[in-house]
Amino acid sequence: MTSTSPYGELVSAAIQKARWRLLPMLIVMYIMSILDRVNVGFAKQALQIDTGLSNSAFALGAGIFFVSYAIFEVPSNVILSRVGPRIWLCRIMVTWGLVASAMMFATTETSFYVLRFLLGIAEAGFYPGVLLTLTYWFPAKVRAQANGILLFGFAGALVIGGPISGALLDMNGIGGLKGWEWMFLIEGLMAVVVGIVAFFVIVDRPHNAPWLTTAQQNALQAVLDQEAAEKSADSPQTVWQTLRNPRVMFFALNFFIVQIAAYGLIFYLPTQVAQILGQKIGLLVGFVTSIPWLLALFVVYFVTRWSDRNHDRRRVTVATLYTIFGVCVCLSAHGSPIFAIAALSIGASTYLSGTPIFYAFLSERLSGLGIATGIALVNSIGNLGGFVAPNLRTYVEQNHGGSAAGLYALGSAALLAALMLALMPKGWRVAKKSGAATATEAVLDRRARA
């Protein structure tokens, strides 16, 4: 996690400490959130066999999570901005872990819908809350790297999630429980434990960190305050202003479109890999499913560092998050199993590497309450793509040519998002530049060394 910094000695030291003190815990928390969000894809076959859920009912249940998630996302992030990440992120984790464990009781269509909806309420605000927390600690010029390191949790969840979920599914019959019941129970309780531990690790702001010196606290906060002041003139400052801001809504719509492709791939990746291999979903499929996300771990690290050095957020996002990702999703419908897995691996890597750059691009245009509301709004509307994705893919596959047609629809969504961002109005492309080493910071550095 080491990197060069464009900031002075005190701020660089504070950033480095924050990387090692905060990011590992946030990564573990993010791993649990993704694991409990997408494990329903691993349970799909067994759950449908045991409960009689149809493909359309499963698609609706898988997607309804994102409806409740979207409804409660903005209020959750506003609360976090007032009470602090330590209390609110940990509260989110414990409650969603309990609901995730209760998914073992989803034995009918109604119970499946209700529990998925409740899971969305419980988890609402977690990811934008973490992104907001990173803006409290990491200045603009290193934020894509911080966001990208956080995305290690996303990739990590899908690397270890496949084998873990597959192994738990193979526990079918032990203790009188079905494999998918064991999977929901254990993975949900893991989130509860992590949430309790996180309460003793997470720190709200630099001035609350006992592991920073007073000089480091002041220097880092001075840089963050300076950046916020530079953005405040162009940023919406209230919840209502943010909700009506055309730039924020543009980002939200753009992210919504690409998330259709992303979640359409993520939810059905285990099933797609099982079809490619001609195997049922279990440990082997879990291991193969982890390959795309394992590659993504390396790509995210290097692409986000390159973005922070060159600061060309928009073009990198168009190329990685959208264009290459969309093309690879389409290509995965063809060729040999090795070719299909390779296409999925490249697609997963570009999707994950583009996402933290997209959010860095957004956060450089917002400040104050606007950044809390804006990140949550973009994420909530974007995640509605997770509701559309399984239903769109199911509809297209059933009515327009099978699984290949479904993948074409998803890939086309990513390419549409690429075109939209490429044609973004010129006046919205450039944010006010944040000072790399502000006068305030320089003064604090000199005082500390005196």
Protein backbone atom coordinates (compact mmCIF):
# COMPACT_ATOMS: atom_id res chain seq x y z
CA MET A 1 0.00 0.00 0.00
CA THR A 2 2.99 2.28 -0.21
CA SER A 3 3.07 5.07 -2.77
CA THR A 4 4.66 8.40 -3.45
CA SER A 5 2.60 11.39 -2.37
CA PRO A 6 2.29 14.90 -3.88
CA TYR A 7 1.86 16.29 -0.35
CA GLY A 8 4.32 17.43 2.32
CA GLU A 9 6.02 15.27 4.93
CA LEU A 10 3.41 15.53 7.68
CA VAL A 11 0.45 14.84 5.41
CA SER A 12 2.26 12.01 3.61
CA ALA A 13 3.02 10.37 6.95
CA ALA A 14 -0.59 10.76 8.09
CA ILE A 15 -1.92 9.28 4.82
CA GLN A 16 0.44 6.33 5.11
CA LYS A 17 -0.69 5.61 8.67
CA ALA A 18 -4.34 5.90 7.64
CA ARG A 19 -3.77 3.38 4.85
CA TRP A 20 -2.51 0.77 7.27
CA ARG A 21 -4.83 1.57 10.17
CA LEU A 22 -8.17 2.03 8.37
CA LEU A 23 -8.11 0.43 4.94
CA PRO A 24 -7.57 -3.21 6.04
CA MET A 25 -10.64 -3.04 8.29
CA LEU A 26 -12.72 -1.34 5.60
CA ILE A 27 -11.62 -3.98 3.10
CA VAL A 28 -12.75 -6.80 5.41
CA MET A 29 -16.08 -5.03 5.95
CA TYR A 30 -16.52 -4.60 2.21
CA ILE A 31 -15.71 -8.26 1.62
CA MET A 32 -18.56 -9.22 3.92
CA SER A 33 -21.00 -6.82 2.26
CA ILE A 34 -20.32 -8.23 -1.21
CA LEU A 35 -20.35 -11.80 0.05
CA ASP A 36 -23.78 -11.38 1.62
CA ARG A 37 -25.07 -9.48 -1.40
CA VAL A 38 -24.11 -11.89 -4.18
CA ASN A 39 -24.15 -15.27 -2.42
CA VAL A 40 -27.73 -15.62 -3.63
CA GLY A 41 -26.20 -16.33 -7.05
CA PHE A 42 -24.41 -19.38 -5.64
CA ALA A 43 -27.59 -20.55 -3.92
CA LYS A 44 -29.68 -20.15 -7.08
CA GLN A 45 -29.80 -23.73 -8.33
CA ALA A 46 -30.23 -25.42 -4.94
CA LEU A 47 -32.67 -22.79 -3.69
CA GLN A 48 -34.86 -23.16 -6.76
CA ILE A 49 -34.86 -26.95 -6.51
CA ASP A 50 -35.78 -26.95 -2.81
CA THR A 51 -38.33 -24.11 -2.88
CA GLY A 52 -39.73 -24.27 -6.41
CA LEU A 53 -38.78 -20.66 -7.22
CA SER A 54 -39.10 -19.93 -10.93
CA ASN A 55 -36.41 -18.05 -12.86
CA SER A 56 -38.57 -14.93 -12.99
CA ALA A 57 -39.31 -15.11 -9.24
CA PHE A 58 -35.61 -15.52 -8.49
CA ALA A 59 -34.75 -12.57 -10.74
CA LEU A 60 -37.33 -10.38 -8.99
CA GLY A 61 -36.09 -11.41 -5.54
CA ALA A 62 -32.44 -10.92 -6.47
CA GLY A 63 -33.20 -7.46 -7.80
CA ILE A 64 -35.63 -6.22 -5.14
CA PHE A 65 -32.70 -5.82 -2.75
CA PHE A 66 -31.61 -2.81 -4.79
CA VAL A 67 -35.00 -1.10 -4.58
CA SER A 68 -34.96 -0.84 -0.78
CA TYR A 69 -31.21 -0.15 -0.88
CA ALA A 70 -31.82 2.82 -3.17
CA ILE A 71 -34.70 4.21 -1.10
CA PHE A 72 -32.68 4.36 2.14
CA GLU A 73 -29.23 5.16 0.70
CA VAL A 74 -29.30 8.97 0.87
CA PRO A 75 -30.84 9.17 4.38
CA SER A 76 -28.23 6.69 5.61
CA ASN A 77 -25.31 8.73 4.29
CA VAL A 78 -26.73 11.96 5.70
CA ILE A 79 -26.96 10.27 9.12
CA LEU A 80 -23.37 9.02 8.78
CA SER A 81 -22.16 12.57 8.03
CA ARG A 82 -23.70 13.65 11.35
CA VAL A 83 -22.98 10.76 13.74
CA GLY A 84 -19.70 9.58 12.20
CA PRO A 85 -18.54 6.43 10.37
CA ARG A 86 -17.58 4.50 13.50
CA ILE A 87 -21.09 4.14 14.88
CA TRP A 88 -23.03 4.09 11.63
CA LEU A 89 -20.95 1.68 9.53
CA CYS A 90 -20.83 -0.79 12.40
CA ARG A 91 -24.60 -0.51 12.92
CA ILE A 92 -25.13 -1.24 9.24
CA MET A 93 -22.94 -4.34 9.38
CA VAL A 94 -24.56 -5.92 12.42
CA THR A 95 -28.12 -5.43 11.17
CA TRP A 96 -27.44 -6.66 7.66
CA GLY A 97 -25.58 -9.69 9.05
CA LEU A 98 -28.63 -10.68 11.08
CA VAL A 99 -30.93 -10.30 8.08
CA ALA A 100 -28.48 -12.17 5.84
CA SER A 101 -28.52 -15.11 8.26
CA ALA A 102 -32.32 -15.03 8.23
CA MET A 103 -32.19 -15.76 4.48
CA MET A 104 -31.97 -19.41 5.52
CA PHE A 105 -35.73 -19.14 6.14
CA ALA A 106 -36.49 -17.98 2.57
CA THR A 107 -38.52 -21.06 1.66
CA THR A 108 -41.34 -19.38 -0.31
CA GLU A 109 -41.56 -16.64 -2.92
CA THR A 110 -43.00 -14.22 -0.37
CA SER A 111 -40.37 -14.85 2.28
CA PHE A 112 -37.64 -14.61 -0.37
CA TYR A 113 -38.92 -11.21 -1.53
CA VAL A 114 -39.39 -9.88 2.02
CA LEU A 115 -35.95 -10.91 3.24
CA ARG A 116 -34.18 -9.55 0.17
CA PHE A 117 -36.05 -6.25 0.63
CA LEU A 118 -35.09 -6.12 4.32
CA LEU A 119 -31.48 -6.90 3.43
CA GLY A 120 -31.45 -3.85 1.18
CA ILE A 121 -32.77 -1.66 4.01
CA ALA A 122 -30.18 -3.01 6.45
CA GLU A 123 -27.22 -2.57 4.10
CA ALA A 124 -28.32 0.77 2.62
CA GLY A 125 -25.59 3.37 2.80
CA PHE A 126 -22.66 1.04 3.45
CA TYR A 127 -20.64 1.49 0.26
CA PRO A 128 -21.32 5.25 -0.15
CA GLY A 129 -20.67 5.57 3.59
CA VAL A 130 -17.25 4.01 3.15
CA LEU A 131 -16.54 6.25 0.15
CA LEU A 132 -17.58 9.26 2.24
CA THR A 133 -15.30 8.08 5.05
CA LEU A 134 -12.37 7.99 2.61
CA THR A 135 -13.00 11.65 1.73
CA TYR A 136 -12.50 12.43 5.45
CA TRP A 137 -9.02 10.90 5.31
CA PHE A 138 -7.55 10.93 1.79
CA PRO A 139 -6.96 14.11 -0.26
CA ALA A 140 -7.99 14.26 -3.92
CA LYS A 141 -4.63 13.40 -5.48
CA VAL A 142 -4.47 10.01 -3.73
CA ARG A 143 -8.18 9.24 -3.54
CA ALA A 144 -8.44 6.96 -6.57
CA GLN A 145 -5.75 4.76 -5.01
CA ALA A 146 -7.65 4.69 -1.71
CA ASN A 147 -10.89 3.88 -3.51
CA GLY A 148 -9.08 1.24 -5.54
CA ILE A 149 -7.55 -0.41 -2.48
CA LEU A 150 -11.05 -0.55 -1.03
CA LEU A 151 -12.16 -2.33 -4.21
CA PHE A 152 -9.74 -5.08 -3.24
CA GLY A 153 -12.56 -6.02 -0.89
CA PHE A 154 -14.96 -6.40 -3.81
CA ALA A 155 -12.56 -8.56 -5.78
CA GLY A 156 -11.46 -10.36 -2.62
CA ALA A 157 -15.06 -11.24 -1.78
CA LEU A 158 -15.53 -12.79 -5.19
CA VAL A 159 -12.16 -14.56 -5.03
CA ILE A 160 -12.77 -16.19 -1.66
CA GLY A 161 -16.55 -16.06 -1.88
CA GLY A 162 -16.72 -18.64 -4.63
CA PRO A 163 -14.77 -21.36 -2.80
CA ILE A 164 -16.36 -20.52 0.59
CA SER A 165 -19.92 -20.47 -0.75
CA GLY A 166 -19.27 -23.59 -2.79
CA ALA A 167 -17.86 -25.42 0.23
CA LEU A 168 -20.81 -24.39 2.40
CA LEU A 169 -23.24 -25.58 -0.28
CA ASP A 170 -21.47 -28.93 -0.16
CA MET A 171 -22.46 -29.19 3.54
CA ASN A 172 -25.93 -30.19 2.37
CA GLY A 173 -27.62 -32.48 4.93
CA ILE A 174 -25.23 -31.81 7.81
CA GLY A 175 -27.16 -31.07 11.01
CA GLY A 176 -30.41 -31.42 9.14
CA LEU A 177 -29.79 -28.20 7.18
CA LYS A 178 -29.55 -27.79 3.44
CA GLY A 179 -26.33 -26.45 1.94
CA TRP A 180 -27.80 -23.08 1.03
CA GLU A 181 -29.18 -22.71 4.57
CA TRP A 182 -25.69 -23.27 6.00
CA MET A 183 -24.28 -20.73 3.54
CA PHE A 184 -26.70 -17.94 4.48
CA LEU A 185 -26.42 -18.65 8.22
CA ILE A 186 -22.63 -18.74 8.47
CA GLU A 187 -21.86 -15.88 6.08
CA GLY A 188 -24.43 -13.64 7.81
CA LEU A 189 -23.02 -14.32 11.27
CA MET A 190 -19.52 -13.56 9.96
CA ALA A 191 -20.73 -10.05 9.09
CA VAL A 192 -22.08 -9.56 12.62
CA VAL A 193 -18.72 -10.49 14.15
CA VAL A 194 -16.79 -8.20 11.77
CA GLY A 195 -19.19 -5.32 12.55
CA ILE A 196 -18.54 -5.65 16.28
CA VAL A 197 -14.76 -5.74 15.79
CA ALA A 198 -14.89 -2.73 13.46
CA PHE A 199 -16.41 -0.59 16.21
CA PHE A 200 -13.06 -0.73 18.02
CA VAL A 201 -10.97 -0.02 14.89
CA ILE A 202 -12.72 2.65 12.81
CA VAL A 203 -11.89 6.30 13.60
CA ASP A 204 -14.18 9.11 12.43
CA ARG A 205 -11.74 11.90 11.54
CA PRO A 206 -8.01 12.68 11.69
CA HIS A 207 -8.36 14.63 14.95
CA ASN A 208 -9.84 11.51 16.61
CA ALA A 209 -6.91 9.26 15.66
CA PRO A 210 -4.62 8.45 18.61
CA TRP A 211 -2.07 6.98 16.21
CA LEU A 212 -1.47 10.39 14.55
CA THR A 213 0.63 13.10 16.16
CA THR A 214 -1.07 16.44 16.76
CA ALA A 215 0.99 17.98 13.97
CA GLN A 216 -0.05 15.21 11.55
CA GLN A 217 -3.72 15.60 12.54
CA ASN A 218 -3.63 19.33 11.91
CA ALA A 219 -1.69 19.09 8.64
CA LEU A 220 -3.95 16.45 7.10
CA GLN A 221 -7.11 18.26 8.19
CA ALA A 222 -5.77 21.53 6.78
CA VAL A 223 -5.32 19.96 3.33
CA LEU A 224 -8.78 18.38 3.41
CA ASP A 225 -10.36 21.67 4.53
CA GLN A 226 -8.52 23.56 1.80
CA GLU A 227 -9.79 21.19 -0.87
CA ALA A 228 -13.35 21.44 0.44
CA ALA A 229 -13.14 25.25 0.35
CA GLU A 230 -11.91 25.21 -3.24
CA LYS A 231 -14.86 23.05 -4.34
CA SER A 232 -17.57 24.73 -2.28
CA ALA A 233 -18.39 27.47 -4.80
CA ASP A 234 -19.36 24.95 -7.49
CA SER A 235 -20.78 22.23 -5.25
CA PRO A 236 -24.39 21.88 -4.06
CA GLN A 237 -24.42 22.36 -0.28
CA THR A 238 -27.78 20.91 0.81
CA VAL A 239 -29.59 17.64 0.25
CA TRP A 240 -32.22 19.32 -1.91
CA GLN A 241 -29.65 21.20 -4.02
CA THR A 242 -27.78 17.95 -4.62
CA LEU A 243 -30.91 16.07 -5.63
CA ARG A 244 -31.68 18.79 -8.21
CA ASN A 245 -28.10 19.20 -9.48
CA PRO A 246 -27.87 18.23 -13.18
CA ARG A 247 -24.24 17.10 -12.93
CA VAL A 248 -25.02 14.75 -10.05
CA MET A 249 -28.03 13.34 -11.91
CA PHE A 250 -25.87 12.84 -15.00
CA PHE A 251 -23.39 10.77 -12.98
CA ALA A 252 -26.25 8.84 -11.37
CA LEU A 253 -27.84 7.92 -14.71
CA ASN A 254 -24.47 7.01 -16.16
CA PHE A 255 -23.62 4.72 -13.27
CA PHE A 256 -27.11 3.17 -13.39
CA ILE A 257 -26.59 2.10 -17.00
CA VAL A 258 -23.20 0.49 -16.40
CA GLN A 259 -24.45 -1.30 -13.28
CA ILE A 260 -26.99 -3.12 -15.43
CA ALA A 261 -24.06 -4.78 -17.16
CA ALA A 262 -22.09 -5.30 -13.94
CA TYR A 263 -24.78 -6.98 -11.85
CA GLY A 264 -26.13 -8.90 -14.82
CA LEU A 265 -22.68 -10.48 -14.95
CA ILE A 266 -22.06 -10.84 -11.20
CA PHE A 267 -25.39 -12.47 -10.32
CA TYR A 268 -25.16 -15.04 -13.10
CA LEU A 269 -21.41 -15.63 -13.19
CA PRO A 270 -21.57 -18.87 -11.14
CA THR A 271 -24.34 -20.22 -13.39
CA GLN A 272 -22.46 -19.12 -16.51
CA VAL A 273 -19.23 -20.75 -15.36
CA ALA A 274 -21.14 -23.94 -14.47
CA GLN A 275 -22.56 -24.03 -18.02
CA ILE A 276 -19.12 -23.42 -19.54
CA LEU A 277 -17.60 -26.25 -17.48
CA GLY A 278 -20.61 -28.56 -17.66
CA GLN A 279 -20.59 -28.87 -13.85
CA LYS A 280 -23.04 -28.18 -11.04
CA ILE A 281 -22.31 -25.21 -8.78
CA GLY A 282 -19.99 -26.38 -6.02
CA LEU A 283 -16.38 -26.07 -4.96
CA LEU A 284 -14.90 -26.47 -8.48
CA VAL A 285 -17.18 -23.85 -10.00
CA GLY A 286 -16.46 -21.61 -7.01
CA PHE A 287 -12.72 -21.78 -7.67
CA VAL A 288 -13.09 -21.06 -11.40
CA THR A 289 -15.49 -18.20 -10.67
CA SER A 290 -12.80 -16.59 -8.51
CA ILE A 291 -10.31 -16.37 -11.43
CA PRO A 292 -11.70 -13.14 -12.98
CA TRP A 293 -11.66 -11.38 -9.62
CA LEU A 294 -8.17 -12.62 -8.77
CA LEU A 295 -6.84 -10.98 -11.92
CA ALA A 296 -8.82 -7.85 -11.07
CA LEU A 297 -6.87 -7.43 -7.81
CA PHE A 298 -3.69 -6.71 -9.77
CA VAL A 299 -5.28 -4.55 -12.47
CA VAL A 300 -7.06 -2.30 -9.94
CA TYR A 301 -3.81 -1.55 -8.14
CA PHE A 302 -1.89 -0.38 -11.20
CA VAL A 303 -4.72 1.44 -13.04
CA THR A 304 -5.75 3.54 -10.03
CA ARG A 305 -2.14 4.55 -9.37
CA TRP A 306 -1.78 5.56 -13.01
CA SER A 307 -4.99 7.60 -12.79
CA ASP A 308 -3.80 9.49 -9.71
CA ARG A 309 -0.50 10.33 -11.42
CA ASN A 310 -2.09 11.49 -14.70
CA HIS A 311 -5.41 12.72 -13.27
CA ASP A 312 -7.34 11.96 -16.48
CA ARG A 313 -10.33 10.41 -14.74
CA ARG A 314 -12.91 10.64 -17.50
CA ARG A 315 -10.96 9.02 -20.33
CA VAL A 316 -9.69 6.22 -18.11
CA THR A 317 -13.22 5.52 -16.92
CA VAL A 318 -14.58 5.46 -20.48
CA ALA A 319 -11.85 3.05 -21.58
CA THR A 320 -11.85 0.68 -18.59
CA LEU A 321 -15.12 0.74 -16.71
CA TYR A 322 -17.25 0.93 -19.82
CA THR A 323 -15.78 0.15 -23.25
CA ILE A 324 -13.45 -2.78 -22.57
CA PHE A 325 -15.86 -4.16 -19.99
CA GLY A 326 -18.81 -4.04 -22.40
CA VAL A 327 -16.88 -5.65 -25.24
CA CYS A 328 -15.64 -8.46 -22.98
CA VAL A 329 -19.14 -9.23 -21.70
CA CYS A 330 -20.30 -9.65 -25.31
CA LEU A 331 -17.27 -11.78 -26.24
CA SER A 332 -17.85 -14.14 -23.29
CA ALA A 333 -20.86 -15.54 -25.14
CA HIS A 334 -18.59 -17.14 -27.74
CA GLY A 335 -15.62 -19.44 -28.13
CA SER A 336 -14.09 -22.15 -26.02
CA PRO A 337 -14.39 -22.34 -22.24
CA ILE A 338 -10.87 -20.91 -21.90
CA PHE A 339 -11.73 -18.00 -24.20
CA ALA A 340 -14.96 -17.29 -22.32
CA ILE A 341 -13.20 -17.32 -18.93
CA ALA A 342 -10.46 -15.05 -20.33
CA ALA A 343 -13.05 -12.57 -21.61
CA LEU A 344 -14.85 -12.59 -18.27
CA SER A 345 -11.54 -12.08 -16.45
CA ILE A 346 -10.57 -9.05 -18.51
CA GLY A 347 -14.08 -7.64 -18.20
CA ALA A 348 -14.13 -8.04 -14.42
CA SER A 349 -10.71 -6.39 -14.15
CA THR A 350 -11.66 -3.33 -16.17
CA TYR A 351 -14.98 -2.94 -14.37
CA LEU A 352 -13.33 -2.95 -10.95
CA SER A 353 -10.44 -0.71 -11.95
CA GLY A 354 -12.78 1.88 -13.45
CA THR A 355 -15.20 2.10 -10.52
CA PRO A 356 -12.85 3.80 -7.98
CA ILE A 357 -11.72 6.26 -10.65
CA PHE A 358 -15.36 7.07 -11.43
CA TYR A 359 -16.02 7.90 -7.77
CA ALA A 360 -12.81 9.95 -7.51
CA PHE A 361 -14.02 11.87 -10.58
CA LEU A 362 -17.36 12.50 -8.84
CA SER A 363 -15.96 13.43 -5.41
CA GLU A 364 -13.65 16.06 -6.92
CA ARG A 365 -16.79 18.00 -7.88
CA LEU A 366 -18.59 17.93 -4.52
CA SER A 367 -17.99 19.10 -0.96
CA GLY A 368 -19.73 19.38 2.42
CA LEU A 369 -23.17 17.81 2.71
CA GLY A 370 -23.22 17.75 -1.08
CA ILE A 371 -20.57 15.04 -1.19
CA ALA A 372 -22.43 12.88 1.35
CA THR A 373 -25.69 13.23 -0.56
CA GLY A 374 -24.13 13.07 -4.02
CA ILE A 375 -22.17 9.87 -3.48
CA ALA A 376 -25.20 8.21 -1.93
CA LEU A 377 -27.55 9.38 -4.67
CA VAL A 378 -25.26 8.23 -7.48
CA ASN A 379 -24.69 4.90 -5.79
CA SER A 380 -28.38 4.34 -4.99
CA ILE A 381 -29.64 5.14 -8.48
CA GLY A 382 -26.72 3.23 -9.95
CA ASN A 383 -27.54 0.19 -7.87
CA LEU A 384 -31.07 0.15 -9.26
CA GLY A 385 -29.25 -1.34 -12.21
CA GLY A 386 -28.94 -4.38 -9.98
CA PHE A 387 -32.74 -4.60 -10.00
CA VAL A 388 -33.00 -4.16 -13.75
CA ALA A 389 -30.12 -6.50 -14.64
CA PRO A 390 -31.47 -9.95 -13.67
CA ASN A 391 -34.94 -9.12 -14.98
CA LEU A 392 -33.59 -7.73 -18.26
CA ARG A 393 -31.29 -10.67 -18.78
CA THR A 394 -34.05 -13.18 -18.03
CA TYR A 395 -36.46 -11.42 -20.41
CA VAL A 396 -33.95 -11.21 -23.26
CA GLU A 397 -32.82 -14.82 -22.85
CA GLN A 398 -36.38 -16.12 -22.82
CA ASN A 399 -37.61 -14.04 -25.76
CA HIS A 400 -34.68 -13.12 -27.97
CA GLY A 401 -32.21 -15.93 -28.45
CA GLY A 402 -30.93 -17.48 -25.24
CA SER A 403 -27.90 -16.75 -23.08
CA ALA A 404 -25.84 -15.10 -25.84
CA ALA A 405 -28.57 -12.52 -26.42
CA GLY A 406 -28.67 -11.80 -22.67
CA LEU A 407 -24.93 -11.12 -22.64
CA TYR A 408 -25.22 -8.86 -25.69
CA ALA A 409 -27.86 -6.81 -23.88
CA LEU A 410 -25.62 -6.41 -20.82
CA GLY A 411 -22.54 -5.53 -22.86
CA SER A 412 -24.52 -2.99 -24.87
CA ALA A 413 -25.52 -1.23 -21.64
CA ALA A 414 -21.85 -0.71 -20.75
CA LEU A 415 -21.07 0.59 -24.23
CA LEU A 416 -24.00 3.02 -24.02
CA ALA A 417 -22.60 4.33 -20.71
CA ALA A 418 -19.19 4.76 -22.40
CA LEU A 419 -20.70 6.86 -25.16
CA MET A 420 -22.62 8.96 -22.63
CA LEU A 421 -19.52 9.77 -20.56
CA ALA A 422 -17.41 10.38 -23.67
CA LEU A 423 -19.94 13.00 -24.79
CA MET A 424 -20.21 14.58 -21.34
CA PRO A 425 -20.69 18.38 -21.56
CA LYS A 426 -17.29 20.09 -21.65
CA GLY A 427 -18.15 22.44 -18.80
CA TRP A 428 -18.60 19.47 -16.45
CA ARG A 429 -15.34 17.72 -17.29
CA VAL A 430 -12.90 19.87 -15.32
CA ALA A 431 -13.14 20.41 -11.58
CA LYS A 432 -11.29 23.11 -9.70
CA LYS A 433 -7.79 21.90 -8.98
CA SER A 434 -6.92 21.15 -5.41
CA GLY A 435 -3.59 22.48 -4.21
CA ALA A 436 -1.05 19.73 -3.87
CA ALA A 437 0.88 21.36 -1.08
CA THR A 438 -1.09 24.27 0.25
CA ALA A 439 0.32 27.27 2.04
CA THR A 440 -1.43 26.14 5.21
CA GLU A 441 0.23 22.76 5.06
CA ALA A 442 3.63 24.27 4.35
CA VAL A 443 3.34 26.46 7.44
CA LEU A 444 2.37 23.48 9.59
CA ASP A 445 5.28 21.48 8.22
CA ARG A 446 7.74 24.24 9.06
CA ARG A 447 6.30 24.60 12.58
CA ALA A 448 6.59 20.86 13.20
CA ARG A 449 10.22 20.77 12.11
CA ALA A 450 11.15 23.93 14.10
